[in-house]
PDB file of N, CA and C in Angstrom:
ATOM      1  N   MET A   1     -25.536 -17.237 -28.978  1.00  0.00           N
ATOM      2  CA  MET A   1     -25.671 -16.898 -27.578  1.00  0.00           C
ATOM      3  C   MET A   1     -24.772 -17.788 -26.717  1.00  0.00           C
ATOM      4  N   LYS A   2     -24.710 -19.065 -27.077  1.00  0.00           N
ATOM      5  CA  LYS A   2     -23.859 -19.990 -26.325  1.00  0.00           C
ATOM      6  C   LYS A   2     -22.396 -19.572 -26.430  1.00  0.00           C
ATOM      7  N   ASN A   3     -21.983 -19.140 -27.618  1.00  0.00           N
ATOM      8  CA  ASN A   3     -20.608 -18.691 -27.829  1.00  0.00           C
ATOM      9  C   ASN A   3     -20.292 -17.480 -26.952  1.00  0.00           C
ATOM     10  N   LEU A   4     -21.249 -16.590 -26.815  1.00  0.00           N
ATOM     11  CA  LEU A   4     -21.067 -15.404 -25.977  1.00  0.00           C
ATOM     12  C   LEU A   4     -20.881 -15.785 -24.517  1.00  0.00           C
ATOM     13  N   LEU A   5     -21.671 -16.731 -24.038  1.00  0.00           N
ATOM     14  CA  LEU A   5     -21.549 -17.173 -22.647  1.00  0.00           C
ATOM     15  C   LEU A   5     -20.224 -17.891 -22.394  1.00  0.00           C
ATOM     16  N   VAL A   6     -19.771 -18.670 -23.365  1.00  0.00           N
ATOM     17  CA  VAL A   6     -18.491 -19.363 -23.219  1.00  0.00           C
ATOM     18  C   VAL A   6     -17.351 -18.351 -23.160  1.00  0.00           C
ATOM     19  N   ARG A   7     -17.373 -17.329 -24.025  1.00  0.00           N
ATOM     20  CA  ARG A   7     -16.328 -16.292 -23.982  1.00  0.00           C
ATOM     21  C   ARG A   7     -16.368 -15.532 -22.679  1.00  0.00           C
ATOM     22  N   PHE A   8     -17.569 -15.248 -22.174  1.00  0.00           N
ATOM     23  CA  PHE A   8     -17.694 -14.530 -20.903  1.00  0.00           C
ATOM     24  C   PHE A   8     -17.130 -15.359 -19.758  1.00  0.00           C
ATOM     25  N   ALA A   9     -17.366 -16.656 -19.763  1.00  0.00           N
ATOM     26  CA  ALA A   9     -16.872 -17.528 -18.697  1.00  0.00           C
ATOM     27  C   ALA A   9     -15.343 -17.637 -18.729  1.00  0.00           C
ATOM     28  N   ARG A  10     -14.757 -17.547 -19.913  1.00  0.00           N
ATOM     29  CA  ARG A  10     -13.295 -17.656 -20.037  1.00  0.00           C
ATOM     30  C   ARG A  10     -12.569 -16.334 -19.814  1.00  0.00           C
ATOM     31  N   ASN A  11     -13.276 -15.232 -19.815  1.00  0.00           N
ATOM     32  CA  ASN A  11     -12.666 -13.918 -19.658  1.00  0.00           C
ATOM     33  C   ASN A  11     -12.194 -13.748 -18.219  1.00  0.00           C
ATOM     34  N   GLU A  12     -10.900 -13.510 -18.032  1.00  0.00           N
ATOM     35  CA  GLU A  12     -10.323 -13.373 -16.698  1.00  0.00           C
ATOM     36  C   GLU A  12      -9.818 -11.963 -16.419  1.00  0.00           C
ATOM     37  N   SER A  13     -10.125 -11.009 -17.259  1.00  0.00           N
ATOM     38  CA  SER A  13      -9.600  -9.656 -17.061  1.00  0.00           C
ATOM     39  C   SER A  13     -10.162  -9.010 -15.799  1.00  0.00           C
ATOM     40  N   GLY A  14     -11.399  -9.309 -15.444  1.00  0.00           N
ATOM     41  CA  GLY A  14     -11.969  -8.757 -14.219  1.00  0.00           C
ATOM     42  C   GLY A  14     -11.264  -9.295 -12.985  1.00  0.00           C
ATOM     43  N   ALA A  15     -10.978 -10.601 -12.989  1.00  0.00           N
ATOM     44  CA  ALA A  15     -10.271 -11.210 -11.865  1.00  0.00           C
ATOM     45  C   ALA A  15      -8.862 -10.643 -11.748  1.00  0.00           C
ATOM     46  N   THR A  16      -8.218 -10.414 -12.877  1.00  0.00           N
ATOM     47  CA  THR A  16      -6.873  -9.853 -12.863  1.00  0.00           C
ATOM     48  C   THR A  16      -6.888  -8.435 -12.301  1.00  0.00           C
ATOM     49  N   ALA A  17      -7.882  -7.657 -12.661  1.00  0.00           N
ATOM     50  CA  ALA A  17      -7.979  -6.290 -12.144  1.00  0.00           C
ATOM     51  C   ALA A  17      -8.189  -6.301 -10.636  1.00  0.00           C
ATOM     52  N   ILE A  18      -8.990  -7.230 -10.144  1.00  0.00           N
ATOM     53  CA  ILE A  18      -9.214  -7.338  -8.699  1.00  0.00           C
ATOM     54  C   ILE A  18      -7.924  -7.734  -7.996  1.00  0.00           C
ATOM     55  N   GLU A  19      -7.185  -8.666  -8.573  1.00  0.00           N
ATOM     56  CA  GLU A  19      -5.914  -9.076  -7.976  1.00  0.00           C
ATOM     57  C   GLU A  19      -4.930  -7.914  -7.918  1.00  0.00           C
ATOM     58  N   TYR A  20      -4.837  -7.145  -9.003  1.00  0.00           N
ATOM     59  CA  TYR A  20      -3.943  -5.987  -9.004  1.00  0.00           C
ATOM     60  C   TYR A  20      -4.391  -4.960  -7.968  1.00  0.00           C
ATOM     61  N   GLY A  21      -5.680  -4.790  -7.823  1.00  0.00           N
ATOM     62  CA  GLY A  21      -6.195  -3.864  -6.816  1.00  0.00           C
ATOM     63  C   GLY A  21      -5.842  -4.304  -5.408  1.00  0.00           C
ATOM     64  N   LEU A  22      -5.959  -5.601  -5.141  1.00  0.00           N
ATOM     65  CA  LEU A  22      -5.592  -6.116  -3.818  1.00  0.00           C
ATOM     66  C   LEU A  22      -4.105  -5.962  -3.547  1.00  0.00           C
ATOM     67  N   ILE A  23      -3.279  -6.218  -4.558  1.00  0.00           N
ATOM     68  CA  ILE A  23      -1.836  -6.054  -4.388  1.00  0.00           C
ATOM     69  C   ILE A  23      -1.492  -4.593  -4.126  1.00  0.00           C
ATOM     70  N   ALA A  24      -2.099  -3.686  -4.871  1.00  0.00           N
ATOM     71  CA  ALA A  24      -1.835  -2.258  -4.668  1.00  0.00           C
ATOM     72  C   ALA A  24      -2.290  -1.821  -3.278  1.00  0.00           C
ATOM     73  N   GLY A  25      -3.418  -2.333  -2.826  1.00  0.00           N
ATOM     74  CA  GLY A  25      -3.897  -2.002  -1.479  1.00  0.00           C
ATOM     75  C   GLY A  25      -2.952  -2.503  -0.406  1.00  0.00           C
ATOM     76  N   LEU A  26      -2.453  -3.726  -0.557  1.00  0.00           N
ATOM     77  CA  LEU A  26      -1.517  -4.285   0.411  1.00  0.00           C
ATOM     78  C   LEU A  26      -0.219  -3.494   0.445  1.00  0.00           C
ATOM     79  N   ILE A  27       0.283  -3.130  -0.717  1.00  0.00           N
ATOM     80  CA  ILE A  27       1.517  -2.343  -0.775  1.00  0.00           C
ATOM     81  C   ILE A  27       1.319  -0.987  -0.105  1.00  0.00           C
ATOM     82  N   SER A  28       0.169  -0.355  -0.321  1.00  0.00           N
ATOM     83  CA  SER A  28      -0.065   0.952   0.302  1.00  0.00           C
ATOM     84  C   SER A  28      -0.178   0.839   1.814  1.00  0.00           C
ATOM     85  N   VAL A  29      -0.769  -0.243   2.315  1.00  0.00           N
ATOM     86  CA  VAL A  29      -0.856  -0.433   3.768  1.00  0.00           C
ATOM     87  C   VAL A  29       0.543  -0.607   4.353  1.00  0.00           C
ATOM     88  N   VAL A  30       1.391  -1.373   3.687  1.00  0.00           N
ATOM     89  CA  VAL A  30       2.767  -1.570   4.167  1.00  0.00           C
ATOM     90  C   VAL A  30       3.529  -0.255   4.150  1.00  0.00           C
ATOM     91  N   ILE A  31       3.379   0.527   3.091  1.00  0.00           N
ATOM     92  CA  ILE A  31       4.074   1.818   3.008  1.00  0.00           C
ATOM     93  C   ILE A  31       3.616   2.747   4.126  1.00  0.00           C
ATOM     94  N   ILE A  32       2.320   2.785   4.396  1.00  0.00           N
ATOM     95  CA  ILE A  32       1.807   3.647   5.463  1.00  0.00           C
ATOM     96  C   ILE A  32       2.353   3.210   6.813  1.00  0.00           C
ATOM     97  N   ALA A  33       2.405   1.905   7.060  1.00  0.00           N
ATOM     98  CA  ALA A  33       2.930   1.406   8.337  1.00  0.00           C
ATOM     99  C   ALA A  33       4.406   1.752   8.499  1.00  0.00           C
ATOM    100  N   VAL A  34       5.185   1.595   7.433  1.00  0.00           N
ATOM    101  CA  VAL A  34       6.620   1.905   7.504  1.00  0.00           C
ATOM    102  C   VAL A  34       6.830   3.396   7.714  1.00  0.00           C
ATOM    103  N   MET A  35       6.076   4.211   6.986  1.00  0.00           N
ATOM    104  CA  MET A  35       6.241   5.659   7.126  1.00  0.00           C
ATOM    105  C   MET A  35       5.843   6.135   8.524  1.00  0.00           C
ATOM    106  N   ALA A  36       4.826   5.532   9.112  1.00  0.00           N
ATOM    107  CA  ALA A  36       4.424   5.916  10.469  1.00  0.00           C
ATOM    108  C   ALA A  36       5.530   5.576  11.462  1.00  0.00           C
ATOM    109  N   THR A  37       6.134   4.418  11.297  1.00  0.00           N
ATOM    110  CA  THR A  37       7.224   4.014  12.199  1.00  0.00           C
ATOM    111  C   THR A  37       8.442   4.906  12.009  1.00  0.00           C
ATOM    112  N   VAL A  38       8.823   5.165  10.782  1.00  0.00           N
ATOM    113  CA  VAL A  38       9.983   6.007  10.505  1.00  0.00           C
ATOM    114  C   VAL A  38       9.708   7.440  10.968  1.00  0.00           C
ATOM    115  N   GLY A  39       8.503   7.922  10.741  1.00  0.00           N
ATOM    116  CA  GLY A  39       8.159   9.278  11.155  1.00  0.00           C
ATOM    117  C   GLY A  39       8.263   9.472  12.654  1.00  0.00           C
ATOM    118  N   THR A  40       7.809   8.487  13.407  1.00  0.00           N
ATOM    119  CA  THR A  40       7.906   8.562  14.868  1.00  0.00           C
ATOM    120  C   THR A  40       9.364   8.570  15.310  1.00  0.00           C
ATOM    121  N   GLY A  41      10.177   7.731  14.688  1.00  0.00           N
ATOM    122  CA  GLY A  41      11.607   7.694  15.016  1.00  0.00           C
ATOM    123  C   GLY A  41      12.298   9.002  14.675  1.00  0.00           C
ATOM    124  N   LEU A  42      11.954   9.583  13.544  1.00  0.00           N
ATOM    125  CA  LEU A  42      12.561  10.857  13.157  1.00  0.00           C
ATOM    126  C   LEU A  42      12.146  11.982  14.088  1.00  0.00           C
ATOM    127  N   ALA A  43      10.898  12.003  14.486  1.00  0.00           N
ATOM    128  CA  ALA A  43      10.433  13.045  15.411  1.00  0.00           C
ATOM    129  C   ALA A  43      11.181  12.954  16.732  1.00  0.00           C
ATOM    130  N   THR A  44      11.411  11.746  17.204  1.00  0.00           N
ATOM    131  CA  THR A  44      12.157  11.562  18.451  1.00  0.00           C
ATOM    132  C   THR A  44      13.597  12.058  18.304  1.00  0.00           C
ATOM    133  N   ARG A  45      14.230  11.743  17.194  1.00  0.00           N
ATOM    134  CA  ARG A  45      15.618  12.184  16.974  1.00  0.00           C
ATOM    135  C   ARG A  45      15.719  13.708  16.864  1.00  0.00           C
ATOM    136  N   PHE A  46      14.805  14.309  16.116  1.00  0.00           N
ATOM    137  CA  PHE A  46      14.856  15.766  15.973  1.00  0.00           C
ATOM    138  C   PHE A  46      14.576  16.474  17.294  1.00  0.00           C
ATOM    139  N   THR A  47      13.712  15.908  18.097  1.00  0.00           N
ATOM    140  CA  THR A  47      13.467  16.462  19.428  1.00  0.00           C
ATOM    141  C   THR A  47      14.721  16.381  20.285  1.00  0.00           C
ATOM    142  N   ALA A  48      15.399  15.237  20.231  1.00  0.00           N
ATOM    143  CA  ALA A  48      16.640  15.079  20.994  1.00  0.00           C
ATOM    144  C   ALA A  48      17.710  16.042  20.509  1.00  0.00           C
ATOM    145  N   ILE A  49      17.826  16.227  19.214  1.00  0.00           N
ATOM    146  CA  ILE A  49      18.818  17.152  18.671  1.00  0.00           C
ATOM    147  C   ILE A  49      18.483  18.587  19.089  1.00  0.00           C
ATOM    148  N   GLY A  50      17.220  18.950  18.984  1.00  0.00           N
ATOM    149  CA  GLY A  50      16.807  20.309  19.386  1.00  0.00           C
ATOM    150  C   GLY A  50      17.072  20.555  20.869  1.00  0.00           C
ATOM    151  N   THR A  51      16.812  19.561  21.684  1.00  0.00           N
ATOM    152  CA  THR A  51      17.075  19.699  23.127  1.00  0.00           C
ATOM    153  C   THR A  51      18.566  19.845  23.386  1.00  0.00           C
ATOM    154  N   ALA A  52      19.369  19.075  22.692  1.00  0.00           N
ATOM    155  CA  ALA A  52      20.822  19.137  22.876  1.00  0.00           C
ATOM    156  C   ALA A  52      21.382  20.473  22.428  1.00  0.00           C
ATOM    157  N   LEU A  53      20.823  21.043  21.373  1.00  0.00           N
ATOM    158  CA  LEU A  53      21.328  22.326  20.881  1.00  0.00           C
ATOM    159  C   LEU A  53      20.957  23.475  21.802  1.00  0.00           C
ATOM    160  N   THR A  54      19.783  23.427  22.399  1.00  0.00           N
ATOM    161  CA  THR A  54      19.372  24.520  23.268  1.00  0.00           C
ATOM    162  C   THR A  54      19.935  24.376  24.676  1.00  0.00           C
ATOM    163  N   GLY A  55      20.291  23.170  25.058  1.00  0.00           N
ATOM    164  CA  GLY A  55      20.770  22.952  26.430  1.00  0.00           C
ATOM    165  C   GLY A  55      22.212  22.993  26.497  1.00  0.00           C
TER     166      GLY A  55
END
């Protein structure tokens, strides 16, 4: 039983999975922020182009 508890205490796979999850979450937040900024800029440009073509 003591050996089992020692192996459980040394097992770091759960901590590693949590770290990978946090990194993936951070990367997705950054991607969403960049895409929102780029999307707004593109919408403005396409609106300007459409206005220029019709006017």
